[in-house]
Every structure is written in C-alpha cells, then in structure tokens.
Amino acid sequence: MKRRKFIKNTLGAAGFLSLSNLPKNMFASVNKKHANDVILLGNTGLKVSRVAMGTGSSGWQGNSNQTRKLGIKGLASLLNYAYDRGVFFWDSADQYGSHEHLKEALKTLPREKIVILSKTHASTEDEMKSDLDRFRTEIGTDYIDIVLLHTMRDPDWNIKKAGGMDILSKAKSDGIIKAHGVSCHKIEALRTAANSDWVDVDMVRFNPAGVHMDDKPEVVAEVIKDMKSKGKGIIGMKVFGAGDLISRYDECLAYHVNSDLIDSSTVGFESKSEFEELLIKMPEVSI
C-alpha cells in the first residue's frame, strides 16, 4: 500500500487520534521544507523563497556585520551564491548600509527574479519621496518589491507616519514598489499593524524563547494569527534571538519551519558555510 494512502486509511480508522499523537516520522517525507521553497507572501502576489538573505545582523548607523565583515564584493558574492541555490529573497535596509552590496550582486543576476525588501525611517511625504529615489539609485533598480517602515515601537505609528505611508501607497499604485508594511519592535505596534488595512507585510520577531521579541511567544503568536487571517504576509526575524539562542539552533529553526504562522524567515548569514548549514538543517528539522 502506498504511504500516503496508508496514512489516510489509518486516520480514517482511528479518527480520535490527532496528528500530534502519531509518530512524526510518518509524515517526514511529505512535509520536508527547504530554504529554497517558493512561498506566496500573504495576499501581496509576491513569491519569495522560504528563507530571506538578511543583511543587517547588528545593523545600525549604516552598517552591519555583513557589510563590515564581508564588504561589497564579499556580501555580493554570498547573495549570488544563495541565488544559485534557489534563495532569491534579499532583506536590506537603509540602516544596514547594504544597498550598494545588493547593487553589486545584481550586476550578474536578472533583477526580475530577485525579490528585494528594504526599510526606511522616513515619516513625512518629503522624507519618503527622497528615500525611495535614493534607495533605487543605491540598489540600481527601477523598483523595490517591498518597503517597510523600520522598527515601529509606538502604538500610534500609523498616525505619526501617515505622510510617508501616503507616499508608499502612491508608489505602489505607480509600480515603484509592490507592497508596503512595517517591522515591529513592541507588541502595541504589532497590534496596530494587525488592525491596519494599509499593512501588506509585517516583519515580526519570533523564536521559542521570547528573546529580543515584542512579548512572550504565545502572545505574539496570537497577533500573527490575526494578521494571517487578514491576508498579511509574515516575515519572521530574530530566528536565533540575535545570536543569543545559537546553542538552540535546531529548536529555533524548527520553530519557524514548522509554524503555520511564518511565510518566510530572514537569517543574517555571514559566510557560505553558515548558509550551507541551514540548507542541510532545515529539511532535517521539518516534521
């Protein structure tokens, strides 16, 4: 008897059993997940890889671990290396200073096959217009797939950022960007994002220990569920608690991989070996 038919018959004969009561290895080959799986990001229409190439580990004041340690050529080479292995979603930000690195990587890749995300601290209309023009010049592209308001903490960010949000809405209708949203660093800001029709995509801190998160994992999960029900795309960050949970690597990766709440997870790789390790580990922790 074929394996899937066996499972179906088993469940039919023992309907009182939940999936959690059955041996995980029964489903392993069916549910294997990989970094290069192509995922539909909420209702945006954008298809992204399950893993995004983060460029902002310890990112602030226009630099990050990736830009400091690897330089323009080194980070571009890593982005190209990942693309060749099916990971085509790039997570950048003005705060990380990684736009020029993306530009270098794009010199040898087809722009239309890459999904680029960036983030801005702009608030007013003029600030946002300036950022959109500068970002596109720095990256070397006519459009940016996703632009997020970076590091929202205030519950009323949607009021304080209204001018910039209007410009992003117009940029979306003009084809300059394809989706807009926020990255959040406080639970109140996250709840505002969940209740905002303007938010297409949310980048949320999520790991099993609640390290560098907006609240306890179970609290954040409930807000994400609300977002998902409204069709928002969810990108998970702080997968390994900004490095504080690296000793719990498998557990943290499994938390993202096996969650129905996260569409794509951004990871700040600093070497090809780190990238290769995740390629191997991700299907291993799938259940």
C-alpha atoms as a PDB file:
ATOM      1  CA  MET A   1       0.000   0.000   0.000  1.00  0.00           C
ATOM      2  CA  LYS A   2       1.325   3.464  -0.854  1.00  0.00           C
ATOM      3  CA  ARG A   3       2.447   5.500   2.148  1.00  0.00           C
ATOM      4  CA  ARG A   4       0.005   8.399   1.733  1.00  0.00           C
ATOM      5  CA  LYS A   5      -2.928   6.007   1.267  1.00  0.00           C
ATOM      6  CA  PHE A   6      -1.811   4.101   4.362  1.00  0.00           C
ATOM      7  CA  ILE A   7      -1.778   7.307   6.413  1.00  0.00           C
ATOM      8  CA  LYS A   8      -5.201   8.326   5.108  1.00  0.00           C
ATOM      9  CA  ASN A   9      -6.688   4.915   5.949  1.00  0.00           C
ATOM     10  CA  THR A  10      -5.049   4.936   9.362  1.00  0.00           C
ATOM     11  CA  LEU A  11      -6.543   8.303  10.225  1.00  0.00           C
ATOM     12  CA  GLY A  12      -9.921   7.246   8.924  1.00  0.00           C
ATOM     13  CA  ALA A  13      -9.921   4.111  11.061  1.00  0.00           C
ATOM     14  CA  ALA A  14      -8.721   5.950  14.147  1.00  0.00           C
ATOM     15  CA  GLY A  15     -10.292   9.367  13.846  1.00  0.00           C
ATOM     16  CA  PHE A  16      -9.859  10.031  17.544  1.00  0.00           C
ATOM     17  CA  LEU A  17      -6.109  10.315  17.071  1.00  0.00           C
ATOM     18  CA  SER A  18      -4.690  13.782  16.443  1.00  0.00           C
ATOM     19  CA  LEU A  19      -1.612  14.315  14.291  1.00  0.00           C
ATOM     20  CA  SER A  20       0.344  15.204  17.406  1.00  0.00           C
ATOM     21  CA  ASN A  21      -0.261  11.699  18.749  1.00  0.00           C
ATOM     22  CA  LEU A  22       1.158   9.991  15.671  1.00  0.00           C
ATOM     23  CA  PRO A  23       4.858   9.298  15.075  1.00  0.00           C
ATOM     24  CA  LYS A  24       6.460  12.335  13.420  1.00  0.00           C
ATOM     25  CA  ASN A  25       8.493  10.170  11.085  1.00  0.00           C
ATOM     26  CA  MET A  26       5.268   9.033   9.393  1.00  0.00           C
ATOM     27  CA  PHE A  27       4.987  12.499   7.857  1.00  0.00           C
ATOM     28  CA  ALA A  28       8.636  13.473   7.446  1.00  0.00           C
ATOM     29  CA  SER A  29       8.994  12.859   3.703  1.00  0.00           C
ATOM     30  CA  VAL A  30       5.652  14.537   2.957  1.00  0.00           C
ATOM     31  CA  ASN A  31       6.386  17.724   4.893  1.00  0.00           C
ATOM     32  CA  LYS A  32      10.061  18.342   4.286  1.00  0.00           C
ATOM     33  CA  LYS A  33      10.716  22.041   3.917  1.00  0.00           C
ATOM     34  CA  HIS A  34      13.676  23.711   2.289  1.00  0.00           C
ATOM     35  CA  ALA A  35      15.245  27.150   2.263  1.00  0.00           C
ATOM     36  CA  ASN A  36      14.569  27.466  -1.464  1.00  0.00           C
ATOM     37  CA  ASP A  37      10.873  26.554  -1.340  1.00  0.00           C
ATOM     38  CA  VAL A  38       8.835  29.184  -3.185  1.00  0.00           C
ATOM     39  CA  ILE A  39       6.217  30.751  -0.911  1.00  0.00           C
ATOM     40  CA  LEU A  40       3.350  33.121  -1.692  1.00  0.00           C
ATOM     41  CA  LEU A  41       3.720  36.081   0.677  1.00  0.00           C
ATOM     42  CA  GLY A  42       0.249  36.690   2.052  1.00  0.00           C
ATOM     43  CA  ASN A  43      -2.048  38.440  -0.420  1.00  0.00           C
ATOM     44  CA  THR A  44       0.744  40.517  -1.982  1.00  0.00           C
ATOM     45  CA  GLY A  45       1.041  38.323  -5.057  1.00  0.00           C
ATOM     46  CA  LEU A  46       4.786  38.158  -4.439  1.00  0.00           C
ATOM     47  CA  LYS A  47       6.524  34.802  -4.477  1.00  0.00           C
ATOM     48  CA  VAL A  48       9.546  34.588  -2.166  1.00  0.00           C
ATOM     49  CA  SER A  49      11.971  31.922  -1.029  1.00  0.00           C
ATOM     50  CA  ARG A  50      11.226  30.374   2.353  1.00  0.00           C
ATOM     51  CA  VAL A  51      14.462  31.909   3.640  1.00  0.00           C
ATOM     52  CA  ALA A  52      15.465  35.521   3.079  1.00  0.00           C
ATOM     53  CA  MET A  53      19.082  36.620   2.972  1.00  0.00           C
ATOM     54  CA  GLY A  54      19.365  39.058   5.865  1.00  0.00           C
ATOM     55  CA  THR A  55      21.995  41.796   5.571  1.00  0.00           C
ATOM     56  CA  GLY A  56      21.544  43.516   8.921  1.00  0.00           C
ATOM     57  CA  SER A  57      22.997  41.463  11.782  1.00  0.00           C
ATOM     58  CA  SER A  58      23.863  44.031  14.477  1.00  0.00           C
ATOM     59  CA  GLY A  59      22.884  46.655  11.909  1.00  0.00           C
ATOM     60  CA  TRP A  60      22.940  50.323  12.843  1.00  0.00           C
ATOM     61  CA  GLN A  61      24.213  53.699  11.580  1.00  0.00           C
ATOM     62  CA  GLY A  62      24.592  52.470   8.024  1.00  0.00           C
ATOM     63  CA  ASN A  63      26.493  49.234   8.586  1.00  0.00           C
ATOM     64  CA  SER A  64      26.084  45.667   9.825  1.00  0.00           C
ATOM     65  CA  ASN A  65      28.068  42.504  10.458  1.00  0.00           C
ATOM     66  CA  GLN A  66      27.583  41.573   6.821  1.00  0.00           C
ATOM     67  CA  THR A  67      28.747  44.911   5.410  1.00  0.00           C
ATOM     68  CA  ARG A  68      31.589  45.311   7.924  1.00  0.00           C
ATOM     69  CA  LYS A  69      32.970  41.782   7.672  1.00  0.00           C
ATOM     70  CA  LEU A  70      32.298  40.911   4.047  1.00  0.00           C
ATOM     71  CA  GLY A  71      32.497  44.225   2.228  1.00  0.00           C
ATOM     72  CA  ILE A  72      30.702  44.969  -1.029  1.00  0.00           C
ATOM     73  CA  LYS A  73      32.283  42.174  -3.063  1.00  0.00           C
ATOM     74  CA  GLY A  74      32.034  39.607  -0.280  1.00  0.00           C
ATOM     75  CA  LEU A  75      28.370  40.159   0.520  1.00  0.00           C
ATOM     76  CA  ALA A  76      27.503  40.347  -3.183  1.00  0.00           C
ATOM     77  CA  SER A  77      29.257  37.012  -3.672  1.00  0.00           C
ATOM     78  CA  LEU A  78      27.229  35.471  -0.824  1.00  0.00           C
ATOM     79  CA  LEU A  79      23.961  36.779  -2.300  1.00  0.00           C
ATOM     80  CA  ASN A  80      24.908  35.334  -5.682  1.00  0.00           C
ATOM     81  CA  TYR A  81      25.874  32.031  -4.057  1.00  0.00           C
ATOM     82  CA  ALA A  82      22.448  31.804  -2.383  1.00  0.00           C
ATOM     83  CA  TYR A  83      20.651  32.731  -5.599  1.00  0.00           C
ATOM     84  CA  ASP A  84      22.391  29.883  -7.420  1.00  0.00           C
ATOM     85  CA  ARG A  85      20.888  27.581  -4.777  1.00  0.00           C
ATOM     86  CA  GLY A  86      17.365  28.939  -5.118  1.00  0.00           C
ATOM     87  CA  VAL A  87      17.276  31.549  -2.346  1.00  0.00           C
ATOM     88  CA  PHE A  88      16.275  34.773  -4.089  1.00  0.00           C
ATOM     89  CA  PHE A  89      14.705  36.945  -1.343  1.00  0.00           C
ATOM     90  CA  TRP A  90      17.001  39.749  -0.100  1.00  0.00           C
ATOM     91  CA  ASP A  91      16.331  41.668   3.113  1.00  0.00           C
ATOM     92  CA  SER A  92      18.068  45.053   3.294  1.00  0.00           C
ATOM     93  CA  ALA A  93      17.615  48.433   4.973  1.00  0.00           C
ATOM     94  CA  ASP A  94      18.960  51.954   4.903  1.00  0.00           C
ATOM     95  CA  GLN A  95      20.068  51.394   8.498  1.00  0.00           C
ATOM     96  CA  TYR A  96      22.261  48.462   7.425  1.00  0.00           C
ATOM     97  CA  GLY A  97      24.027  50.298   4.607  1.00  0.00           C
ATOM     98  CA  SER A  98      23.596  47.236   2.398  1.00  0.00           C
ATOM     99  CA  HIS A  99      22.029  48.765  -0.722  1.00  0.00           C
ATOM    100  CA  GLU A 100      25.330  49.109  -2.569  1.00  0.00           C
ATOM    101  CA  HIS A 101      26.066  45.461  -1.824  1.00  0.00           C
ATOM    102  CA  LEU A 102      22.777  44.440  -3.439  1.00  0.00           C
ATOM    103  CA  LYS A 103      23.632  46.605  -6.445  1.00  0.00           C
ATOM    104  CA  GLU A 104      26.908  44.743  -6.875  1.00  0.00           C
ATOM    105  CA  ALA A 105      25.143  41.376  -6.679  1.00  0.00           C
ATOM    106  CA  LEU A 106      22.563  42.449  -9.272  1.00  0.00           C
ATOM    107  CA  LYS A 107      25.271  43.075 -11.854  1.00  0.00           C
ATOM    108  CA  THR A 108      25.306  39.366 -12.707  1.00  0.00           C
ATOM    109  CA  LEU A 109      21.691  38.418 -11.915  1.00  0.00           C
ATOM    110  CA  PRO A 110      18.296  39.042 -13.553  1.00  0.00           C
ATOM    111  CA  ARG A 111      16.560  41.739 -11.492  1.00  0.00           C
ATOM    112  CA  GLU A 112      13.082  40.345 -12.179  1.00  0.00           C
ATOM    113  CA  LYS A 113      13.977  37.061 -10.494  1.00  0.00           C
ATOM    114  CA  ILE A 114      15.033  38.681  -7.218  1.00  0.00           C
ATOM    115  CA  VAL A 115      12.654  39.919  -4.511  1.00  0.00           C
ATOM    116  CA  ILE A 116      14.188  42.911  -2.738  1.00  0.00           C
ATOM    117  CA  LEU A 117      12.959  44.272   0.574  1.00  0.00           C
ATOM    118  CA  SER A 118      14.209  47.468   2.179  1.00  0.00           C
ATOM    119  CA  LYS A 119      13.234  49.531   5.190  1.00  0.00           C
ATOM    120  CA  THR A 120      13.010  53.234   5.889  1.00  0.00           C
ATOM    121  CA  HIS A 121      12.836  55.534   8.899  1.00  0.00           C
ATOM    122  CA  ALA A 122      11.110  58.250   6.841  1.00  0.00           C
ATOM    123  CA  SER A 123       7.980  59.796   8.322  1.00  0.00           C
ATOM    124  CA  THR A 124       6.946  62.732   6.146  1.00  0.00           C
ATOM    125  CA  GLU A 125       5.990  62.849   2.484  1.00  0.00           C
ATOM    126  CA  ASP A 126       9.204  64.626   1.504  1.00  0.00           C
ATOM    127  CA  GLU A 127      11.364  62.227   3.508  1.00  0.00           C
ATOM    128  CA  MET A 128       9.732  59.202   1.914  1.00  0.00           C
ATOM    129  CA  LYS A 129       9.989  60.586  -1.631  1.00  0.00           C
ATOM    130  CA  SER A 130      13.676  61.244  -1.038  1.00  0.00           C
ATOM    131  CA  ASP A 131      14.270  57.754   0.397  1.00  0.00           C
ATOM    132  CA  LEU A 132      12.518  55.976  -2.465  1.00  0.00           C
ATOM    133  CA  ASP A 133      14.587  57.854  -5.033  1.00  0.00           C
ATOM    134  CA  ARG A 134      17.836  57.329  -3.132  1.00  0.00           C
ATOM    135  CA  PHE A 135      17.176  53.655  -2.362  1.00  0.00           C
ATOM    136  CA  ARG A 136      16.537  52.843  -6.024  1.00  0.00           C
ATOM    137  CA  THR A 137      19.688  54.643  -7.080  1.00  0.00           C
ATOM    138  CA  GLU A 138      21.755  52.890  -4.408  1.00  0.00           C
ATOM    139  CA  ILE A 139      20.386  49.462  -5.314  1.00  0.00           C
ATOM    140  CA  GLY A 140      20.459  50.106  -9.047  1.00  0.00           C
ATOM    141  CA  THR A 141      16.830  49.252  -9.736  1.00  0.00           C
ATOM    142  CA  ASP A 142      13.722  51.000 -11.042  1.00  0.00           C
ATOM    143  CA  TYR A 143      11.520  49.395  -8.408  1.00  0.00           C
ATOM    144  CA  ILE A 144      11.713  47.830  -4.947  1.00  0.00           C
ATOM    145  CA  ASP A 145       9.454  44.880  -4.253  1.00  0.00           C
ATOM    146  CA  ILE A 146       8.756  45.590  -0.573  1.00  0.00           C
ATOM    147  CA  VAL A 147       9.350  48.701   1.532  1.00  0.00           C
ATOM    148  CA  LEU A 148       8.733  48.601   5.277  1.00  0.00           C
ATOM    149  CA  LEU A 149       8.576  51.294   7.924  1.00  0.00           C
ATOM    150  CA  HIS A 150      11.517  50.268  10.084  1.00  0.00           C
ATOM    151  CA  THR A 151      11.371  49.374  13.800  1.00  0.00           C
ATOM    152  CA  MET A 152       7.903  50.539  14.802  1.00  0.00           C
ATOM    153  CA  ARG A 153       7.524  50.861  18.580  1.00  0.00           C
ATOM    154  CA  ASP A 154       4.711  53.344  19.145  1.00  0.00           C
ATOM    155  CA  PRO A 155       1.098  52.161  19.100  1.00  0.00           C
ATOM    156  CA  ASP A 156       0.210  55.247  17.042  1.00  0.00           C
ATOM    157  CA  TRP A 157       2.919  54.832  14.399  1.00  0.00           C
ATOM    158  CA  ASN A 158       0.167  54.825  11.788  1.00  0.00           C
ATOM    159  CA  ILE A 159      -0.641  58.423  12.737  1.00  0.00           C
ATOM    160  CA  LYS A 160       2.940  59.645  13.083  1.00  0.00           C
ATOM    161  CA  LYS A 161       3.953  58.084   9.771  1.00  0.00           C
ATOM    162  CA  ALA A 162       0.797  58.988   7.828  1.00  0.00           C
ATOM    163  CA  GLY A 163       2.589  61.270   5.365  1.00  0.00           C
ATOM    164  CA  GLY A 164       5.187  58.671   4.474  1.00  0.00           C
ATOM    165  CA  MET A 165       2.533  55.976   4.260  1.00  0.00           C
ATOM    166  CA  ASP A 166       0.598  58.007   1.705  1.00  0.00           C
ATOM    167  CA  ILE A 167       3.701  58.232  -0.491  1.00  0.00           C
ATOM    168  CA  LEU A 168       4.254  54.462  -0.236  1.00  0.00           C
ATOM    169  CA  SER A 169       0.630  53.884  -1.236  1.00  0.00           C
ATOM    170  CA  LYS A 170       1.095  56.082  -4.294  1.00  0.00           C
ATOM    171  CA  ALA A 171       4.416  54.386  -5.085  1.00  0.00           C
ATOM    172  CA  LYS A 172       2.610  51.046  -5.015  1.00  0.00           C
ATOM    173  CA  SER A 173      -0.075  52.227  -7.420  1.00  0.00           C
ATOM    174  CA  ASP A 174       2.658  53.677  -9.670  1.00  0.00           C
ATOM    175  CA  GLY A 175       4.626  50.403  -9.695  1.00  0.00           C
ATOM    176  CA  ILE A 176       7.631  51.847  -7.870  1.00  0.00           C
ATOM    177  CA  ILE A 177       7.054  49.306  -5.092  1.00  0.00           C
ATOM    178  CA  LYS A 178       4.854  46.214  -4.979  1.00  0.00           C
ATOM    179  CA  ALA A 179       3.982  46.007  -1.286  1.00  0.00           C
ATOM    180  CA  HIS A 180       4.406  48.032   1.892  1.00  0.00           C
ATOM    181  CA  GLY A 181       4.263  47.362   5.593  1.00  0.00           C
ATOM    182  CA  VAL A 182       6.212  47.521   8.842  1.00  0.00           C
ATOM    183  CA  SER A 183       8.764  45.826  11.029  1.00  0.00           C
ATOM    184  CA  CYS A 184       7.721  45.946  14.679  1.00  0.00           C
ATOM    185  CA  HIS A 185       9.612  46.007  17.975  1.00  0.00           C
ATOM    186  CA  LYS A 186       6.805  46.441  20.505  1.00  0.00           C
ATOM    187  CA  ILE A 187       3.633  44.424  20.980  1.00  0.00           C
ATOM    188  CA  GLU A 188       1.451  47.564  20.864  1.00  0.00           C
ATOM    189  CA  ALA A 189       2.935  48.482  17.482  1.00  0.00           C
ATOM    190  CA  LEU A 190       2.394  44.922  16.286  1.00  0.00           C
ATOM    191  CA  ARG A 191      -1.272  45.062  17.261  1.00  0.00           C
ATOM    192  CA  THR A 192      -1.652  48.316  15.361  1.00  0.00           C
ATOM    193  CA  ALA A 193      -0.149  46.621  12.322  1.00  0.00           C
ATOM    194  CA  ALA A 194      -2.610  43.748  12.656  1.00  0.00           C
ATOM    195  CA  ASN A 195      -5.507  46.209  12.629  1.00  0.00           C
ATOM    196  CA  SER A 196      -4.201  48.313   9.730  1.00  0.00           C
ATOM    197  CA  ASP A 197      -5.566  47.655   6.251  1.00  0.00           C
ATOM    198  CA  TRP A 198      -2.515  49.536   4.913  1.00  0.00           C
ATOM    199  CA  VAL A 199      -0.097  46.840   6.077  1.00  0.00           C
ATOM    200  CA  ASP A 200       0.562  44.270   3.360  1.00  0.00           C
ATOM    201  CA  VAL A 201       3.630  42.747   5.026  1.00  0.00           C
ATOM    202  CA  ASP A 202       4.814  42.571   8.620  1.00  0.00           C
ATOM    203  CA  MET A 203       8.265  41.592   9.790  1.00  0.00           C
ATOM    204  CA  VAL A 204       7.926  40.176  13.284  1.00  0.00           C
ATOM    205  CA  ARG A 205      10.398  38.923  15.898  1.00  0.00           C
ATOM    206  CA  PHE A 206       9.661  35.272  16.605  1.00  0.00           C
ATOM    207  CA  ASN A 207      11.536  32.487  18.418  1.00  0.00           C
ATOM    208  CA  PRO A 208      10.658  29.848  21.050  1.00  0.00           C
ATOM    209  CA  ALA A 209      12.382  31.603  23.963  1.00  0.00           C
ATOM    210  CA  GLY A 210      10.969  35.107  23.549  1.00  0.00           C
ATOM    211  CA  VAL A 211      14.480  36.554  23.235  1.00  0.00           C
ATOM    212  CA  HIS A 212      14.548  40.011  21.617  1.00  0.00           C
ATOM    213  CA  MET A 213      10.827  39.670  20.966  1.00  0.00           C
ATOM    214  CA  ASP A 214       7.870  42.023  21.352  1.00  0.00           C
ATOM    215  CA  ASP A 215       6.276  39.842  24.041  1.00  0.00           C
ATOM    216  CA  LYS A 216       6.009  36.194  25.060  1.00  0.00           C
ATOM    217  CA  PRO A 217       5.901  33.808  22.079  1.00  0.00           C
ATOM    218  CA  GLU A 218       2.316  32.786  22.773  1.00  0.00           C
ATOM    219  CA  VAL A 219       1.192  36.441  22.893  1.00  0.00           C
ATOM    220  CA  VAL A 220       2.972  37.310  19.648  1.00  0.00           C
ATOM    221  CA  ALA A 221       1.607  34.173  18.003  1.00  0.00           C
ATOM    222  CA  GLU A 222      -1.972  35.275  18.644  1.00  0.00           C
ATOM    223  CA  VAL A 223      -1.335  38.619  16.951  1.00  0.00           C
ATOM    224  CA  ILE A 224       0.313  36.884  13.983  1.00  0.00           C
ATOM    225  CA  LYS A 225      -2.719  34.595  13.670  1.00  0.00           C
ATOM    226  CA  ASP A 226      -4.896  37.694  13.406  1.00  0.00           C
ATOM    227  CA  MET A 227      -2.601  39.103  10.717  1.00  0.00           C
ATOM    228  CA  LYS A 228      -2.610  35.862   8.754  1.00  0.00           C
ATOM    229  CA  SER A 229      -6.404  35.725   8.838  1.00  0.00           C
ATOM    230  CA  LYS A 230      -6.411  39.138   7.148  1.00  0.00           C
ATOM    231  CA  GLY A 231      -4.055  38.046   4.374  1.00  0.00           C
ATOM    232  CA  LYS A 232      -0.930  39.859   5.520  1.00  0.00           C
ATOM    233  CA  GLY A 233       2.441  38.427   4.554  1.00  0.00           C
ATOM    234  CA  ILE A 234       4.536  37.463   7.582  1.00  0.00           C
ATOM    235  CA  ILE A 235       8.325  37.513   7.604  1.00  0.00           C
ATOM    236  CA  GLY A 236       9.910  36.124  10.754  1.00  0.00           C
ATOM    237  CA  MET A 237      13.077  37.669  12.166  1.00  0.00           C
ATOM    238  CA  LYS A 238      15.287  37.111  15.213  1.00  0.00           C
ATOM    239  CA  VAL A 239      15.085  33.406  14.416  1.00  0.00           C
ATOM    240  CA  PHE A 240      18.049  32.743  16.725  1.00  0.00           C
ATOM    241  CA  GLY A 241      17.386  35.612  19.121  1.00  0.00           C
ATOM    242  CA  ALA A 242      20.012  37.919  17.566  1.00  0.00           C
ATOM    243  CA  GLY A 243      22.566  35.155  18.167  1.00  0.00           C
ATOM    244  CA  ASP A 244      21.700  34.621  21.830  1.00  0.00           C
ATOM    245  CA  LEU A 245      19.977  31.313  21.012  1.00  0.00           C
ATOM    246  CA  ILE A 246      22.562  29.859  18.669  1.00  0.00           C
ATOM    247  CA  SER A 247      23.153  26.974  21.125  1.00  0.00           C
ATOM    248  CA  ARG A 248      19.499  26.035  20.454  1.00  0.00           C
ATOM    249  CA  TYR A 249      19.913  26.203  16.674  1.00  0.00           C
ATOM    250  CA  ASP A 250      17.777  23.183  15.737  1.00  0.00           C
ATOM    251  CA  GLU A 251      14.986  24.118  18.124  1.00  0.00           C
ATOM    252  CA  CYS A 252      14.790  27.706  16.873  1.00  0.00           C
ATOM    253  CA  LEU A 253      14.913  26.716  13.223  1.00  0.00           C
ATOM    254  CA  ALA A 254      12.233  24.083  13.749  1.00  0.00           C
ATOM    255  CA  TYR A 255      10.064  26.701  15.488  1.00  0.00           C
ATOM    256  CA  HIS A 256       9.975  28.742  12.282  1.00  0.00           C
ATOM    257  CA  VAL A 257       9.967  25.905   9.776  1.00  0.00           C
ATOM    258  CA  ASN A 258       7.088  24.033  11.376  1.00  0.00           C
ATOM    259  CA  SER A 259       4.951  27.053  12.188  1.00  0.00           C
ATOM    260  CA  ASP A 260       1.920  27.844  10.059  1.00  0.00           C
ATOM    261  CA  LEU A 261       2.336  31.481  11.085  1.00  0.00           C
ATOM    262  CA  ILE A 262       5.557  32.360   9.247  1.00  0.00           C
ATOM    263  CA  ASP A 263       5.733  32.673   5.459  1.00  0.00           C
ATOM    264  CA  SER A 264       9.448  33.407   5.171  1.00  0.00           C
ATOM    265  CA  SER A 265      12.266  33.722   7.712  1.00  0.00           C
ATOM    266  CA  THR A 266      15.117  36.190   7.376  1.00  0.00           C
ATOM    267  CA  VAL A 267      18.535  34.961   8.536  1.00  0.00           C
ATOM    268  CA  GLY A 268      21.719  37.048   8.624  1.00  0.00           C
ATOM    269  CA  PHE A 269      24.309  34.712   7.149  1.00  0.00           C
ATOM    270  CA  GLU A 270      27.909  35.850   7.418  1.00  0.00           C
ATOM    271  CA  SER A 271      29.513  33.050   5.413  1.00  0.00           C
ATOM    272  CA  LYS A 272      28.754  30.409   2.820  1.00  0.00           C
ATOM    273  CA  SER A 273      29.297  27.706   5.442  1.00  0.00           C
ATOM    274  CA  GLU A 274      26.551  29.199   7.631  1.00  0.00           C
ATOM    275  CA  PHE A 275      24.239  29.249   4.635  1.00  0.00           C
ATOM    276  CA  GLU A 276      25.071  25.643   3.751  1.00  0.00           C
ATOM    277  CA  GLU A 277      24.432  24.534   7.331  1.00  0.00           C
ATOM    278  CA  LEU A 278      20.906  25.917   7.193  1.00  0.00           C
ATOM    279  CA  LEU A 279      20.287  24.301   3.808  1.00  0.00           C
ATOM    280  CA  ILE A 280      21.071  20.941   5.404  1.00  0.00           C
ATOM    281  CA  LYS A 281      19.358  21.545   8.738  1.00  0.00           C
ATOM    282  CA  MET A 282      16.037  22.897   7.506  1.00  0.00           C
ATOM    283  CA  PRO A 283      14.695  19.646   5.985  1.00  0.00           C
ATOM    284  CA  GLU A 284      16.117  17.706   8.920  1.00  0.00           C
ATOM    285  CA  VAL A 285      14.034  19.661  11.467  1.00  0.00           C
ATOM    286  CA  SER A 286      10.870  19.558   9.344  1.00  0.00           C
ATOM    287  CA  ILE A 287       8.091  17.432  10.775  1.00  0.00           C
END
